[in-house]
Amino acid sequence: MTAPRRPLVRVLVSVLAVVLVLCCGGAAVAGWALARGGTDTVGAVDFVRPLAVPPLADSRVDDRGRRVFDLLARDGRRDFHGDGRITRTAGFDGDFLGPTLRARRGEQVVVNVVNRLAEETSVHWHGMHLPARMDGGPHQTIRPGATWSPTWTVDQPAATLWYHPHPHGQTEEHVYRGLAGMFILDDDREAALPLPRRYGVDDFPVIVQDRNFSRSGEFKVTRNVFAGIGVLGDTLLVNGTVGPYLDVRTERVRLRLLNGSTARTYNFGLADDRPFALIGTDGGLLPRTARVNRVQLSPGERAEIVVDVRPGERVTLRSTAPELGVGALADRFAGGADRFDVLELRAARTLAASPAVPDALVPLDRLDPAAAAATRTLSFSGRDINDRSMEMDRIDFAVTRDTTEVWEVVNRDGTPHNFHVHDVQFQVLSVGGAAPPPALSGWKDTVYLAPQRPIRIALRFTDHSDPDVPYMYHCHLLYHEDAGMMGQFVVVEPGQSPGRPPRHGTHAQHR
């Protein structure tokens, strides 16, 4: 079904804005908005619960040498606050979120996804390079009671990826309920570096999500009509934990940060502004370690950081006001003034030694924009891309296998957006005409789009051609995605024309 081009909320925003201007005057509205304080939990969080660490998913090697995982999507119930209020949730293999899948480059994997929900869902492997039929987008839905078993060979560098549903028009709701998890890839280059990598010992997933709770404890899907970006919660969950602390027993700890929120952008750093080592982003390790004191992540983005701690200290991971670039008035409603205490690191009195983080990490083969076979412009505005809303049966364009392309992606309105593309990681060539900052110097699959600051990226489409089954590109503010801010492309052989997308999901078989 086609997402509406003008969602009701956009009409309500326009009407409400007119009413406020008529009743109060434009200056009064602006003054009220600027005076309005954002959500601020700095100094107000009681860190009383140990950080939940998602278990590593069990796997087995079948008689064909494939690493096989099993995931069960199910409804759940959880008391997040420890006060008896029960929240209805959903998760994989549990009541909220899912286990961490882990595989090595070169392995063939199979994931048997069983849907025990009362509705269709899907599972997209965010950041993974794989055939379109295995991607888990809106064309690969899983019926209730059915099993989907995608299989592919891992062929990309070590990285922190994740998985989440991608049903057309319902992604925000499924992710908000809790259906998500981390997928870590390993390779020999990463393994040769002196980095923390013992999962749950000195290497931790940190999945950050915001939620609103009703008085009875249920998740509230409340949207600020002025911002029009989706749900902005006032309570943070970290790996599903409210008010978490992490006991650190080594001199250095690796945190794999994932912005798993549906709309909110975070600006992560330490409360005392100490620098930390930024070693990786969406697609894996950076060419060189960046010593920074902030890393900003929009929905879907990841960052790997290594934090030095001193014996016996406590230091808080904090999100300060993000730089959204949408202006003071819009910032207030879009989370640009919000601050959160996220996670308390509690260092033991005696810490095990950790090697220093190296300056040089992994070499990056730069894509040559001069060799691009095509240059495209993707303009984001309202809920459309290039003035078109998502159509499940429309392929927007085809790219040719084994070619490089340059895309210029630009936010044409005053609302926060970001950009995510399936299948390939890309390299950022420029941001607003300037060289990219260190956090955008490696492989990326998701990037924030500040208004009127075009981002040029280079993408290489090496394999996995299929004229009929498309990959997605879209805004990863999930409310925008669901409202139609998404398009589709196929990878074809030289001289081949695009076909027609499947009308229904595939690979979903009843057991």
Protein backbone atom coordinates (compact mmCIF):
# COMPACT_ATOMS: atom_id res chain seq x y z
CA MET A 1 0.00 0.00 0.00
CA THR A 2 1.31 3.45 -0.86
CA ALA A 3 2.14 5.72 2.06
CA PRO A 4 0.09 8.95 1.99
CA ARG A 5 1.80 11.97 0.46
CA ARG A 6 0.39 14.36 3.05
CA PRO A 7 0.04 12.61 6.41
CA LEU A 8 -2.64 14.00 8.70
CA VAL A 9 -0.03 15.24 11.15
CA ARG A 10 1.35 17.65 8.54
CA VAL A 11 -2.10 19.16 8.11
CA LEU A 12 -2.49 19.46 11.87
CA VAL A 13 0.90 21.16 12.16
CA SER A 14 -0.08 23.75 9.59
CA VAL A 15 -3.46 24.41 11.21
CA LEU A 16 -2.02 24.64 14.72
CA ALA A 17 0.75 26.99 13.58
CA VAL A 18 -1.80 29.31 11.98
CA VAL A 19 -3.96 29.28 15.12
CA LEU A 20 -0.99 30.15 17.34
CA VAL A 21 0.13 32.95 15.10
CA LEU A 22 -3.39 34.42 14.93
CA CYS A 23 -4.00 34.11 18.66
CA CYS A 24 -0.60 35.03 20.02
CA GLY A 25 1.28 36.69 17.21
CA GLY A 26 4.44 35.34 15.57
CA ALA A 27 6.79 37.05 18.02
CA ALA A 28 4.95 35.60 21.00
CA VAL A 29 5.10 32.10 19.54
CA ALA A 30 8.82 32.40 18.85
CA GLY A 31 9.46 33.79 22.32
CA TRP A 32 7.52 31.00 23.97
CA ALA A 33 9.33 28.34 21.94
CA LEU A 34 12.77 29.74 22.67
CA ALA A 35 11.98 30.02 26.38
CA ARG A 36 10.71 26.45 26.47
CA GLY A 37 13.29 24.20 28.08
CA GLY A 38 14.27 20.95 26.41
CA THR A 39 14.37 17.56 28.10
CA ASP A 40 17.32 17.55 30.50
CA THR A 41 18.24 14.59 32.71
CA VAL A 42 21.80 15.70 33.47
CA GLY A 43 22.44 15.11 37.17
CA ALA A 44 18.97 13.64 37.66
CA VAL A 45 19.51 9.98 36.72
CA ASP A 46 19.89 7.42 39.49
CA PHE A 47 22.27 4.82 38.10
CA VAL A 48 20.94 1.90 40.12
CA ARG A 49 20.75 -0.97 37.60
CA PRO A 50 23.64 -2.92 36.08
CA LEU A 51 23.76 -2.51 32.33
CA ALA A 52 22.10 -5.46 30.62
CA VAL A 53 24.49 -6.99 28.08
CA PRO A 54 22.65 -8.80 25.29
CA PRO A 55 23.85 -12.40 25.13
CA LEU A 56 25.81 -13.61 22.14
CA ALA A 57 23.42 -15.60 19.97
CA ASP A 58 23.94 -19.33 19.91
CA SER A 59 24.92 -20.70 16.53
CA ARG A 60 25.87 -24.00 14.95
CA VAL A 61 27.73 -25.06 11.82
CA ASP A 62 25.60 -27.25 9.55
CA ASP A 63 26.75 -30.03 7.24
CA ARG A 64 27.31 -27.49 4.46
CA GLY A 65 29.70 -25.47 6.61
CA ARG A 66 27.24 -22.61 7.14
CA ARG A 67 26.95 -20.80 10.48
CA VAL A 68 23.28 -21.04 11.46
CA PHE A 69 21.45 -18.70 13.84
CA ASP A 70 17.86 -18.92 15.06
CA LEU A 71 15.81 -15.83 15.96
CA LEU A 72 12.28 -15.83 17.35
CA ALA A 73 10.27 -12.60 17.04
CA ARG A 74 7.72 -12.52 19.87
CA ASP A 75 5.62 -10.27 22.06
CA GLY A 76 6.79 -9.64 25.61
CA ARG A 77 6.21 -7.85 28.88
CA ARG A 78 8.76 -6.03 31.02
CA ASP A 79 8.94 -3.96 34.21
CA PHE A 80 11.50 -1.34 33.15
CA HIS A 81 11.32 0.75 36.33
CA GLY A 82 11.17 -2.02 38.94
CA ASP A 83 7.95 -0.65 40.41
CA GLY A 84 5.49 -3.25 39.19
CA ARG A 85 4.30 -1.31 36.13
CA ILE A 86 4.34 -3.67 33.17
CA THR A 87 5.10 -2.53 29.61
CA ARG A 88 3.95 -4.50 26.59
CA THR A 89 6.98 -5.00 24.36
CA ALA A 90 8.39 -7.15 21.58
CA GLY A 91 11.81 -8.71 21.10
CA PHE A 92 13.86 -11.46 19.54
CA ASP A 93 14.37 -14.53 21.75
CA GLY A 94 13.20 -12.43 24.71
CA ASP A 95 10.84 -9.69 25.77
CA PHE A 96 12.88 -6.69 24.51
CA LEU A 97 15.65 -6.31 21.92
CA GLY A 98 17.54 -9.42 20.84
CA PRO A 99 20.83 -11.29 21.15
CA THR A 100 24.02 -10.11 19.49
CA LEU A 101 24.81 -12.07 16.36
CA ARG A 102 28.51 -12.47 15.58
CA ALA A 103 30.21 -13.83 12.45
CA ARG A 104 33.56 -13.64 10.64
CA ARG A 105 34.33 -12.33 7.20
CA GLY A 106 34.23 -15.23 4.73
CA GLU A 107 31.63 -17.24 6.63
CA GLN A 108 28.35 -18.21 5.02
CA VAL A 109 25.55 -17.53 7.48
CA VAL A 110 21.93 -18.59 7.72
CA VAL A 111 19.45 -16.88 10.03
CA ASN A 112 16.18 -18.71 10.64
CA VAL A 113 13.74 -15.97 11.65
CA VAL A 114 10.50 -17.30 13.13
CA ASN A 115 7.61 -14.84 13.44
CA ARG A 116 5.52 -15.48 16.54
CA LEU A 117 3.94 -12.02 16.43
CA ALA A 118 0.29 -11.60 15.53
CA GLU A 119 1.23 -9.54 12.45
CA GLU A 120 3.64 -9.55 9.55
CA THR A 121 7.13 -8.25 10.18
CA SER A 122 10.54 -8.39 8.52
CA VAL A 123 14.19 -8.30 9.59
CA HIS A 124 16.61 -6.00 7.80
CA TRP A 125 20.36 -6.49 8.28
CA HIS A 126 21.30 -2.82 8.58
CA GLY A 127 24.76 -2.13 7.10
CA MET A 128 25.20 -5.63 5.62
CA HIS A 129 26.40 -6.23 2.07
CA LEU A 130 24.21 -9.06 0.76
CA PRO A 131 21.81 -10.03 -2.05
CA ALA A 132 18.63 -7.98 -2.24
CA ARG A 133 16.49 -11.09 -1.69
CA MET A 134 18.19 -11.56 1.69
CA ASP A 135 18.14 -7.89 2.72
CA GLY A 136 14.92 -8.02 4.77
CA GLY A 137 13.35 -4.91 3.35
CA PRO A 138 9.62 -4.34 2.84
CA HIS A 139 9.49 -6.96 0.05
CA GLN A 140 10.64 -9.77 2.35
CA THR A 141 7.82 -9.86 4.88
CA ILE A 142 7.35 -12.79 7.25
CA ARG A 143 3.79 -13.90 7.90
CA PRO A 144 2.66 -14.78 11.44
CA GLY A 145 3.74 -18.33 12.18
CA ALA A 146 6.16 -18.41 9.24
CA THR A 147 9.94 -18.74 9.04
CA TRP A 148 12.30 -16.79 6.79
CA SER A 149 15.80 -18.22 6.30
CA PRO A 150 18.06 -15.78 4.44
CA THR A 151 21.59 -16.95 3.68
CA TRP A 152 24.61 -15.03 2.43
CA THR A 153 28.41 -14.94 2.63
CA VAL A 154 29.86 -12.23 4.85
CA ASP A 155 32.11 -10.19 2.57
CA GLN A 156 32.96 -6.91 4.26
CA PRO A 157 35.30 -5.60 6.95
CA ALA A 158 34.86 -6.04 10.70
CA ALA A 159 32.10 -3.69 11.82
CA THR A 160 29.27 -3.00 14.25
CA LEU A 161 26.01 -3.56 12.39
CA TRP A 162 22.48 -4.11 13.61
CA TYR A 163 19.17 -5.71 12.67
CA HIS A 164 15.60 -4.45 12.93
CA PRO A 165 12.20 -4.80 11.20
CA HIS A 166 11.47 -2.96 7.97
CA PRO A 167 7.76 -3.52 7.15
CA HIS A 168 6.43 -0.83 4.84
CA GLY A 169 4.57 1.84 6.81
CA GLN A 170 5.12 0.13 10.19
CA THR A 171 8.85 0.24 10.84
CA GLU A 172 8.63 2.91 13.55
CA GLU A 173 6.02 0.96 15.52
CA HIS A 174 7.91 -2.35 15.36
CA VAL A 175 11.25 -0.83 16.37
CA TYR A 176 9.66 1.27 19.12
CA ARG A 177 8.20 -1.89 20.68
CA GLY A 178 11.71 -3.32 20.95
CA LEU A 179 12.49 -5.41 17.88
CA ALA A 180 16.21 -4.78 17.27
CA GLY A 181 19.65 -6.19 18.02
CA MET A 182 23.35 -5.89 17.19
CA PHE A 183 25.29 -7.86 14.55
CA ILE A 184 29.08 -7.78 14.98
CA LEU A 185 31.45 -8.77 12.17
CA ASP A 186 35.06 -9.82 12.74
CA ASP A 187 38.04 -10.11 10.40
CA ASP A 188 41.79 -10.74 10.52
CA ARG A 189 42.80 -7.09 10.19
CA GLU A 190 40.80 -6.04 13.23
CA ALA A 191 41.98 -9.09 15.18
CA ALA A 192 45.63 -8.12 14.60
CA LEU A 193 45.23 -4.75 16.32
CA PRO A 194 45.69 -4.23 20.09
CA LEU A 195 42.05 -3.29 20.75
CA PRO A 196 39.62 -4.39 23.47
CA ARG A 197 37.51 -7.19 21.97
CA ARG A 198 36.38 -9.51 24.78
CA TYR A 199 32.63 -9.28 24.57
CA GLY A 200 31.08 -8.41 27.91
CA VAL A 201 34.52 -7.93 29.51
CA ASP A 202 36.13 -4.91 27.83
CA ASP A 203 33.96 -4.67 24.71
CA PHE A 204 30.29 -3.77 25.16
CA PRO A 205 27.26 -3.04 22.98
CA VAL A 206 25.56 0.22 23.98
CA ILE A 207 22.16 0.42 22.27
CA VAL A 208 20.61 3.79 23.15
CA GLN A 209 16.87 4.35 22.68
CA ASP A 210 14.46 6.97 23.98
CA ARG A 211 10.92 6.20 25.15
CA ASN A 212 7.90 7.89 26.65
CA PHE A 213 5.99 5.96 29.32
CA SER A 214 2.37 6.35 30.37
CA ARG A 215 1.43 6.46 34.04
CA SER A 216 0.56 2.76 33.86
CA GLY A 217 3.96 1.96 32.38
CA GLU A 218 3.07 1.46 28.72
CA PHE A 219 5.10 2.91 25.86
CA LYS A 220 3.53 6.15 24.63
CA VAL A 221 3.77 7.04 20.96
CA THR A 222 3.53 10.81 21.39
CA ARG A 223 4.73 13.11 18.63
CA ASN A 224 5.56 16.78 18.81
CA VAL A 225 3.53 18.23 15.96
CA PHE A 226 5.81 21.26 15.65
CA ALA A 227 8.89 19.13 14.88
CA GLY A 228 7.21 16.53 12.68
CA ILE A 229 10.05 14.03 13.14
CA GLY A 230 8.39 11.31 15.18
CA VAL A 231 8.62 10.27 18.82
CA LEU A 232 11.06 12.05 21.13
CA GLY A 233 11.13 10.27 24.48
CA ASP A 234 12.07 11.67 27.88
CA THR A 235 13.50 8.39 29.24
CA LEU A 236 16.56 6.59 27.90
CA LEU A 237 16.91 2.83 27.66
CA VAL A 238 20.43 1.48 27.23
CA ASN A 239 20.32 -2.16 26.14
CA GLY A 240 16.81 -1.98 27.57
CA THR A 241 18.05 -0.73 30.98
CA VAL A 242 16.77 2.41 32.74
CA GLY A 243 19.46 4.18 34.80
CA PRO A 244 22.33 1.79 33.90
CA TYR A 245 25.85 1.53 35.26
CA LEU A 246 28.71 -0.54 33.87
CA ASP A 247 31.41 -2.05 36.08
CA VAL A 248 34.72 -1.55 34.25
CA ARG A 249 37.63 -3.77 35.23
CA THR A 250 40.17 -2.83 32.57
CA GLU A 251 42.12 0.37 31.91
CA ARG A 252 40.31 0.83 28.62
CA VAL A 253 36.82 -0.14 27.55
CA ARG A 254 35.40 -0.35 24.05
CA LEU A 255 31.83 0.90 23.67
CA ARG A 256 29.93 0.05 20.49
CA LEU A 257 27.44 2.92 20.38
CA LEU A 258 24.25 2.41 18.38
CA ASN A 259 21.60 5.09 18.06
CA GLY A 260 18.61 2.74 18.04
CA SER A 261 16.08 5.54 18.50
CA THR A 262 13.40 6.17 15.92
CA ALA A 263 13.88 9.96 15.63
CA ARG A 264 16.32 11.41 18.18
CA THR A 265 19.91 12.49 17.45
CA TYR A 266 22.51 12.20 20.24
CA ASN A 267 25.81 13.98 20.82
CA PHE A 268 27.81 11.53 22.92
CA GLY A 269 30.74 12.43 25.15
CA LEU A 270 32.01 12.07 28.71
CA ALA A 271 30.65 14.33 31.44
CA ASP A 272 34.11 15.74 32.22
CA ASP A 273 34.84 16.38 28.52
CA ARG A 274 37.84 14.06 28.51
CA PRO A 275 38.84 12.94 25.02
CA PHE A 276 38.29 9.39 23.89
CA ALA A 277 39.44 7.33 20.92
CA LEU A 278 36.99 7.14 18.03
CA ILE A 279 38.10 3.99 16.19
CA GLY A 280 35.14 3.02 14.02
CA THR A 281 31.85 4.08 12.50
CA ASP A 282 29.06 2.36 10.53
CA GLY A 283 31.15 0.30 8.14
CA GLY A 284 34.08 -0.58 10.38
CA LEU A 285 37.35 0.78 11.65
CA LEU A 286 38.64 4.19 10.58
CA PRO A 287 41.98 4.58 8.77
CA ARG A 288 43.33 6.38 11.84
CA THR A 289 42.17 6.82 15.40
CA ALA A 290 40.51 10.18 16.01
CA ARG A 291 40.95 11.73 19.47
CA VAL A 292 37.69 13.56 20.08
CA ASN A 293 35.42 14.52 22.97
CA ARG A 294 32.09 14.29 21.09
CA VAL A 295 30.56 12.03 18.48
CA GLN A 296 27.11 12.83 17.10
CA LEU A 297 24.87 9.99 15.91
CA SER A 298 21.53 10.30 14.16
CA PRO A 299 19.11 7.34 14.11
CA GLY A 300 20.74 4.19 12.78
CA GLU A 301 24.35 5.44 13.00
CA ARG A 302 27.04 3.62 14.99
CA ALA A 303 30.40 4.53 16.49
CA GLU A 304 33.06 2.48 18.24
CA ILE A 305 34.91 4.37 20.95
CA VAL A 306 37.59 3.40 23.47
CA VAL A 307 37.45 5.18 26.82
CA ASP A 308 40.36 5.37 29.30
CA VAL A 309 39.37 5.10 32.96
CA ARG A 310 41.22 5.57 36.21
CA PRO A 311 41.03 3.16 39.18
CA GLY A 312 38.02 3.75 41.42
CA GLU A 313 36.49 6.61 39.42
CA ARG A 314 32.98 7.09 38.14
CA VAL A 315 32.40 8.89 34.86
CA THR A 316 29.16 9.41 32.98
CA LEU A 317 28.53 8.93 29.29
CA ARG A 318 26.39 11.91 28.39
CA SER A 319 24.53 13.26 25.38
CA THR A 320 24.74 17.03 25.10
CA ALA A 321 22.62 19.18 22.81
CA PRO A 322 23.14 17.93 19.24
CA GLU A 323 23.93 20.29 16.38
CA LEU A 324 20.90 19.84 14.13
CA GLY A 325 21.41 22.99 12.08
CA VAL A 326 17.69 23.69 11.75
CA GLY A 327 17.59 27.00 13.65
CA ALA A 328 16.81 27.87 17.25
CA LEU A 329 13.03 27.56 17.00
CA ALA A 330 13.03 24.17 15.25
CA ASP A 331 15.89 22.92 17.47
CA ARG A 332 13.71 23.30 20.56
CA PHE A 333 11.07 20.97 19.15
CA ALA A 334 13.39 18.53 17.37
CA GLY A 335 15.58 17.65 20.38
CA GLY A 336 18.33 20.15 19.65
CA ALA A 337 18.21 21.51 23.21
CA ASP A 338 17.94 18.14 24.97
CA ARG A 339 20.58 16.63 27.25
CA PHE A 340 20.76 13.16 28.80
CA ASP A 341 22.90 11.27 31.25
CA VAL A 342 23.21 7.93 29.46
CA LEU A 343 25.44 5.45 31.30
CA GLU A 344 27.71 5.54 34.35
CA LEU A 345 31.11 3.85 34.03
CA ARG A 346 32.30 2.55 37.41
CA ALA A 347 35.97 1.67 37.41
CA ALA A 348 37.22 -0.98 39.80
CA ARG A 349 39.90 -0.02 42.33
CA THR A 350 42.33 -2.31 40.55
CA LEU A 351 42.22 -2.37 36.76
CA ALA A 352 43.69 -4.95 34.39
CA ALA A 353 46.22 -3.47 31.99
CA SER A 354 45.09 -2.56 28.46
CA PRO A 355 47.38 -1.78 25.53
CA ALA A 356 47.35 1.73 24.08
CA VAL A 357 45.04 2.29 21.13
CA PRO A 358 47.16 2.52 17.97
CA ASP A 359 47.06 5.61 15.80
CA ALA A 360 46.95 3.64 12.53
CA LEU A 361 44.03 1.24 12.18
CA VAL A 362 43.05 -0.15 8.75
CA PRO A 363 43.89 1.26 5.31
CA LEU A 364 41.01 2.68 3.29
CA ASP A 365 40.93 2.22 -0.47
CA ARG A 366 39.54 5.55 -1.65
CA LEU A 367 36.89 5.51 -4.34
CA ASP A 368 37.66 7.79 -7.27
CA PRO A 369 34.73 10.14 -7.99
CA ALA A 370 36.25 10.94 -11.37
CA ALA A 371 35.60 7.32 -12.39
CA ALA A 372 31.90 7.50 -11.51
CA ALA A 373 29.60 5.91 -14.09
CA ALA A 374 26.72 8.14 -12.95
CA THR A 375 26.03 11.12 -10.72
CA ARG A 376 22.65 11.41 -9.02
CA THR A 377 20.91 14.00 -6.85
CA LEU A 378 18.55 12.93 -4.07
CA SER A 379 16.55 15.84 -2.66
CA PHE A 380 14.78 15.33 0.67
CA SER A 381 11.79 17.54 1.42
CA GLY A 382 8.63 17.04 3.46
CA ARG A 383 8.10 13.29 3.24
CA ASP A 384 9.34 12.89 -0.33
CA ILE A 385 12.61 12.21 -2.13
CA ASN A 386 12.89 14.05 -5.44
CA ASP A 387 9.24 15.03 -5.00
CA ARG A 388 8.13 11.39 -5.03
CA SER A 389 6.69 9.27 -2.27
CA MET A 390 7.59 5.59 -1.94
CA GLU A 391 5.75 3.15 -4.21
CA MET A 392 6.31 -0.55 -3.59
CA ASP A 393 5.92 -1.43 -7.28
CA ARG A 394 8.12 1.40 -8.65
CA ILE A 395 11.86 1.05 -9.19
CA ASP A 396 13.32 4.56 -9.07
CA PHE A 397 16.57 3.77 -10.87
CA ALA A 398 19.05 1.02 -11.73
CA VAL A 399 22.78 0.95 -11.12
CA THR A 400 25.17 -1.25 -13.04
CA ARG A 401 27.14 -3.94 -11.27
CA ASP A 402 30.86 -3.28 -10.81
CA THR A 403 30.54 0.49 -11.17
CA THR A 404 31.10 3.50 -8.92
CA GLU A 405 28.52 6.26 -8.59
CA VAL A 406 28.47 9.68 -6.91
CA TRP A 407 25.28 10.78 -5.18
CA GLU A 408 24.58 14.25 -3.86
CA VAL A 409 22.06 14.05 -1.02
CA VAL A 410 20.49 17.28 0.22
CA ASN A 411 17.89 18.28 2.79
CA ARG A 412 15.75 20.98 1.16
CA ASP A 413 13.50 21.79 4.11
CA GLY A 414 13.99 22.97 7.70
CA THR A 415 13.32 19.58 9.31
CA PRO A 416 16.00 17.10 10.45
CA HIS A 417 16.48 14.18 8.07
CA ASN A 418 19.16 11.60 7.56
CA PHE A 419 20.09 9.23 4.77
CA HIS A 420 20.54 5.45 4.80
CA VAL A 421 21.24 3.19 1.84
CA HIS A 422 20.97 -0.59 1.80
CA ASP A 423 23.60 -3.08 0.56
CA VAL A 424 26.65 -0.82 0.21
CA GLN A 425 28.78 1.28 2.48
CA PHE A 426 29.75 4.67 1.06
CA GLN A 427 32.54 7.22 1.44
CA VAL A 428 31.69 10.85 2.22
CA LEU A 429 33.41 13.15 -0.26
CA SER A 430 32.23 16.49 1.13
CA VAL A 431 29.75 18.11 3.50
CA GLY A 432 28.44 21.48 2.36
CA GLY A 433 31.39 21.69 -0.01
CA ALA A 434 33.97 21.12 2.77
CA ALA A 435 36.08 18.08 3.59
CA PRO A 436 34.34 15.62 5.92
CA PRO A 437 35.24 15.59 9.64
CA PRO A 438 37.04 12.58 11.19
CA ALA A 439 33.75 10.88 12.15
CA LEU A 440 32.85 10.75 8.44
CA SER A 441 36.28 9.66 7.20
CA GLY A 442 35.54 5.92 7.05
CA TRP A 443 32.86 3.70 5.57
CA LYS A 444 29.30 4.83 6.27
CA ASP A 445 25.78 3.64 5.54
CA THR A 446 23.85 6.37 7.39
CA VAL A 447 24.55 10.10 7.64
CA TYR A 448 22.77 13.13 9.08
CA LEU A 449 21.41 15.71 6.64
CA ALA A 450 21.48 19.24 7.99
CA PRO A 451 19.25 21.59 5.98
CA GLN A 452 20.81 23.06 2.86
CA ARG A 453 24.19 21.34 3.39
CA PRO A 454 24.58 18.91 0.48
CA ILE A 455 26.53 15.73 1.19
CA ARG A 456 28.39 14.10 -1.70
CA ILE A 457 29.08 10.39 -1.36
CA ALA A 458 30.81 7.76 -3.48
CA LEU A 459 29.36 4.25 -3.67
CA ARG A 460 30.74 1.09 -5.31
CA PHE A 461 28.32 -1.65 -6.43
CA THR A 462 30.51 -4.72 -6.71
CA ASP A 463 28.09 -7.63 -7.06
CA HIS A 464 24.65 -9.05 -6.07
CA SER A 465 22.78 -7.99 -9.19
CA ASP A 466 19.04 -8.67 -9.44
CA PRO A 467 16.79 -6.71 -11.84
CA ASP A 468 13.59 -7.51 -9.94
CA VAL A 469 14.33 -7.21 -6.23
CA PRO A 470 15.27 -3.70 -5.08
CA TYR A 471 17.33 -2.23 -2.29
CA MET A 472 16.06 0.76 -0.33
CA TYR A 473 17.38 4.27 0.30
CA HIS A 474 15.50 6.40 2.78
CA CYS A 475 15.40 8.73 5.75
CA HIS A 476 16.11 6.71 8.91
CA LEU A 477 13.89 8.93 11.03
CA LEU A 478 11.39 6.11 10.97
CA TYR A 479 8.28 8.29 11.06
CA HIS A 480 9.50 9.88 7.82
CA GLU A 481 10.34 6.51 6.29
CA ASP A 482 6.88 5.16 7.09
CA ALA A 483 5.28 8.29 5.59
CA GLY A 484 6.93 7.68 2.23
CA MET A 485 10.45 9.19 2.42
CA MET A 486 12.01 6.18 0.72
CA GLY A 487 12.99 4.99 -2.75
CA GLN A 488 14.13 1.80 -4.45
CA PHE A 489 16.98 0.88 -6.78
CA VAL A 490 18.16 -2.35 -8.37
CA VAL A 491 21.64 -3.51 -9.31
CA VAL A 492 21.71 -4.89 -12.86
CA GLU A 493 24.22 -6.47 -15.21
CA PRO A 494 25.67 -4.26 -17.97
CA GLY A 495 22.98 -3.59 -20.55
CA GLN A 496 20.23 -5.15 -18.43
CA SER A 497 16.97 -3.30 -17.74
CA PRO A 498 15.18 -3.21 -14.39
CA GLY A 499 12.27 -5.59 -13.94
CA ARG A 500 9.30 -5.44 -11.58
CA PRO A 501 9.48 -5.74 -7.79
CA PRO A 502 7.72 -8.71 -6.20
CA ARG A 503 4.23 -7.93 -4.96
CA HIS A 504 4.57 -10.09 -1.84
CA GLY A 505 7.32 -11.20 0.53
CA THR A 506 9.46 -14.18 -0.37
CA HIS A 507 11.34 -16.90 1.53
CA ALA A 508 8.71 -16.90 4.31
CA GLN A 509 7.69 -20.53 4.66
CA HIS A 510 5.51 -22.12 7.33
CA ARG A 511 7.08 -24.81 9.44
